[in-house]
Amino acid sequence: MNDSRLLPVGSSPLEVAAARACAEIERTPVNIRTLW
């Protein structure tokens, strides 16, 4: 992961993975209303 993350240095691997997953899903070009 690059140095541009906003998590603190002592973040757990789970927190880092969750942040990475949220960043990836944000790029999905589908409207939330369409999904539900």
PDB file of N, CA and C in Angstrom:
ATOM      1  N   MET A   1       0.852  -1.179   0.000  1.00  0.00           N
ATOM      2  CA  MET A   1       0.000   0.000   0.000  1.00  0.00           C
ATOM      3  C   MET A   1       0.890   1.232   0.000  1.00  0.00           C
ATOM      4  N   ASN A   2       0.468   2.266  -0.661  1.00  0.00           N
ATOM      5  CA  ASN A   2       1.302   3.455  -0.742  1.00  0.00           C
ATOM      6  C   ASN A   2       1.198   4.303   0.520  1.00  0.00           C
ATOM      7  N   ASP A   3       1.988   5.356   0.585  1.00  0.00           N
ATOM      8  CA  ASP A   3       2.049   6.199   1.779  1.00  0.00           C
ATOM      9  C   ASP A   3       0.924   7.214   1.865  1.00  0.00           C
ATOM     10  N   SER A   4      -0.024   7.203   0.938  1.00  0.00           N
ATOM     11  CA  SER A   4      -1.096   8.198   0.947  1.00  0.00           C
ATOM     12  C   SER A   4      -2.306   7.765   1.770  1.00  0.00           C
ATOM     13  N   ARG A   5      -2.202   6.661   2.476  1.00  0.00           N
ATOM     14  CA  ARG A   5      -3.335   6.215   3.288  1.00  0.00           C
ATOM     15  C   ARG A   5      -3.530   7.130   4.490  1.00  0.00           C
ATOM     16  N   LEU A   6      -4.747   7.163   4.996  1.00  0.00           N
ATOM     17  CA  LEU A   6      -5.086   8.045   6.108  1.00  0.00           C
ATOM     18  C   LEU A   6      -5.111   7.321   7.447  1.00  0.00           C
ATOM     19  N   LEU A   7      -4.837   6.036   7.447  1.00  0.00           N
ATOM     20  CA  LEU A   7      -4.852   5.270   8.688  1.00  0.00           C
ATOM     21  C   LEU A   7      -3.592   5.553   9.511  1.00  0.00           C
ATOM     22  N   PRO A   8      -3.704   5.444  10.834  1.00  0.00           N
ATOM     23  CA  PRO A   8      -2.522   5.617  11.679  1.00  0.00           C
ATOM     24  C   PRO A   8      -1.496   4.508  11.435  1.00  0.00           C
ATOM     25  N   VAL A   9      -0.280   4.744  11.833  1.00  0.00           N
ATOM     26  CA  VAL A   9       0.809   3.796  11.617  1.00  0.00           C
ATOM     27  C   VAL A   9       0.535   2.447  12.281  1.00  0.00           C
ATOM     28  N   GLY A  10      -0.078   2.426  13.444  1.00  0.00           N
ATOM     29  CA  GLY A  10      -0.308   1.180  14.167  1.00  0.00           C
ATOM     30  C   GLY A  10      -1.583   0.448  13.799  1.00  0.00           C
ATOM     31  N   SER A  11      -2.152   0.728  12.647  1.00  0.00           N
ATOM     32  CA  SER A  11      -3.407   0.078  12.244  1.00  0.00           C
ATOM     33  C   SER A  11      -3.213  -1.422  12.058  1.00  0.00           C
ATOM     34  N   SER A  12      -4.247  -2.171  12.399  1.00  0.00           N
ATOM     35  CA  SER A  12      -4.181  -3.630  12.257  1.00  0.00           C
ATOM     36  C   SER A  12      -4.298  -4.012  10.781  1.00  0.00           C
ATOM     37  N   PRO A  13      -3.853  -5.210  10.425  1.00  0.00           N
ATOM     38  CA  PRO A  13      -4.010  -5.673   9.044  1.00  0.00           C
ATOM     39  C   PRO A  13      -5.471  -5.673   8.589  1.00  0.00           C
ATOM     40  N   LEU A  14      -6.394  -5.958   9.500  1.00  0.00           N
ATOM     41  CA  LEU A  14      -7.815  -5.936   9.153  1.00  0.00           C
ATOM     42  C   LEU A  14      -8.269  -4.523   8.791  1.00  0.00           C
ATOM     43  N   GLU A  15      -7.829  -3.536   9.546  1.00  0.00           N
ATOM     44  CA  GLU A  15      -8.193  -2.146   9.251  1.00  0.00           C
ATOM     45  C   GLU A  15      -7.614  -1.701   7.915  1.00  0.00           C
ATOM     46  N   VAL A  16      -6.389  -2.095   7.637  1.00  0.00           N
ATOM     47  CA  VAL A  16      -5.752  -1.745   6.362  1.00  0.00           C
ATOM     48  C   VAL A  16      -6.496  -2.412   5.207  1.00  0.00           C
ATOM     49  N   ALA A  17      -6.865  -3.682   5.375  1.00  0.00           N
ATOM     50  CA  ALA A  17      -7.600  -4.397   4.326  1.00  0.00           C
ATOM     51  C   ALA A  17      -8.974  -3.785   4.101  1.00  0.00           C
ATOM     52  N   ALA A  18      -9.646  -3.385   5.178  1.00  0.00           N
ATOM     53  CA  ALA A  18     -10.965  -2.759   5.045  1.00  0.00           C
ATOM     54  C   ALA A  18     -10.858  -1.426   4.318  1.00  0.00           C
ATOM     55  N   ALA A  19      -9.853  -0.646   4.637  1.00  0.00           N
ATOM     56  CA  ALA A  19      -9.658   0.638   3.964  1.00  0.00           C
ATOM     57  C   ALA A  19      -9.365   0.434   2.482  1.00  0.00           C
ATOM     58  N   ARG A  20      -8.565  -0.579   2.183  1.00  0.00           N
ATOM     59  CA  ARG A  20      -8.239  -0.872   0.783  1.00  0.00           C
ATOM     60  C   ARG A  20      -9.486  -1.319   0.020  1.00  0.00           C
ATOM     61  N   ALA A  21     -10.308  -2.154   0.651  1.00  0.00           N
ATOM     62  CA  ALA A  21     -11.538  -2.632   0.012  1.00  0.00           C
ATOM     63  C   ALA A  21     -12.509  -1.484  -0.233  1.00  0.00           C
ATOM     64  N   CYS A  22     -12.635  -0.590   0.729  1.00  0.00           N
ATOM     65  CA  CYS A  22     -13.531   0.563   0.563  1.00  0.00           C
ATOM     66  C   CYS A  22     -13.041   1.475  -0.556  1.00  0.00           C
ATOM     67  N   ALA A  23     -11.741   1.629  -0.671  1.00  0.00           N
ATOM     68  CA  ALA A  23     -11.186   2.460  -1.736  1.00  0.00           C
ATOM     69  C   ALA A  23     -11.459   1.836  -3.102  1.00  0.00           C
ATOM     70  N   GLU A  24     -11.396   0.520  -3.190  1.00  0.00           N
ATOM     71  CA  GLU A  24     -11.661  -0.162  -4.457  1.00  0.00           C
ATOM     72  C   GLU A  24     -13.135  -0.073  -4.846  1.00  0.00           C
ATOM     73  N   ILE A  25     -14.033  -0.288  -3.900  1.00  0.00           N
ATOM     74  CA  ILE A  25     -15.467  -0.270  -4.212  1.00  0.00           C
ATOM     75  C   ILE A  25     -15.923   1.131  -4.602  1.00  0.00           C
ATOM     76  N   GLU A  26     -15.212   2.138  -4.124  1.00  0.00           N
ATOM     77  CA  GLU A  26     -15.563   3.520  -4.459  1.00  0.00           C
ATOM     78  C   GLU A  26     -15.406   3.783  -5.953  1.00  0.00           C
ATOM     79  N   ARG A  27     -14.533   3.032  -6.605  1.00  0.00           N
ATOM     80  CA  ARG A  27     -14.292   3.223  -8.041  1.00  0.00           C
ATOM     81  C   ARG A  27     -15.332   2.544  -8.921  1.00  0.00           C
ATOM     82  N   THR A  28     -16.224   1.769  -8.344  1.00  0.00           N
ATOM     83  CA  THR A  28     -17.229   1.043  -9.115  1.00  0.00           C
ATOM     84  C   THR A  28     -18.241   2.023  -9.712  1.00  0.00           C
ATOM     85  N   PRO A  29     -18.388   2.036 -11.036  1.00  0.00           N
ATOM     86  CA  PRO A  29     -19.265   3.016 -11.687  1.00  0.00           C
ATOM     87  C   PRO A  29     -20.741   2.613 -11.708  1.00  0.00           C
ATOM     88  N   VAL A  30     -21.241   2.063 -10.613  1.00  0.00           N
ATOM     89  CA  VAL A  30     -22.637   1.655 -10.539  1.00  0.00           C
ATOM     90  C   VAL A  30     -23.311   2.456  -9.444  1.00  0.00           C
ATOM     91  N   ASN A  31     -24.465   2.994  -9.772  1.00  0.00           N
ATOM     92  CA  ASN A  31     -25.229   3.752  -8.797  1.00  0.00           C
ATOM     93  C   ASN A  31     -25.764   2.802  -7.730  1.00  0.00           C
ATOM     94  N   ILE A  32     -25.681   3.179  -6.469  1.00  0.00           N
ATOM     95  CA  ILE A  32     -26.160   2.331  -5.371  1.00  0.00           C
ATOM     96  C   ILE A  32     -27.634   1.982  -5.556  1.00  0.00           C
ATOM     97  N   ARG A  33     -28.414   2.916  -6.038  1.00  0.00           N
ATOM     98  CA  ARG A  33     -29.838   2.673  -6.259  1.00  0.00           C
ATOM     99  C   ARG A  33     -30.056   1.542  -7.266  1.00  0.00           C
ATOM    100  N   THR A  34     -29.170   1.426  -8.236  1.00  0.00           N
ATOM    101  CA  THR A  34     -29.264   0.352  -9.220  1.00  0.00           C
ATOM    102  C   THR A  34     -28.997  -1.009  -8.577  1.00  0.00           C
ATOM    103  N   LEU A  35     -28.088  -1.057  -7.632  1.00  0.00           N
ATOM    104  CA  LEU A  35     -27.745  -2.317  -6.975  1.00  0.00           C
ATOM    105  C   LEU A  35     -28.874  -2.838  -6.109  1.00  0.00           C
ATOM    106  N   TRP A  36     -29.615  -1.962  -5.464  1.00  0.00           N
ATOM    107  CA  TRP A  36     -30.681  -2.386  -4.567  1.00  0.00           C
ATOM    108  C   TRP A  36     -31.979  -2.277  -5.304  1.00  0.00           C
TER     109      TRP A  36
END
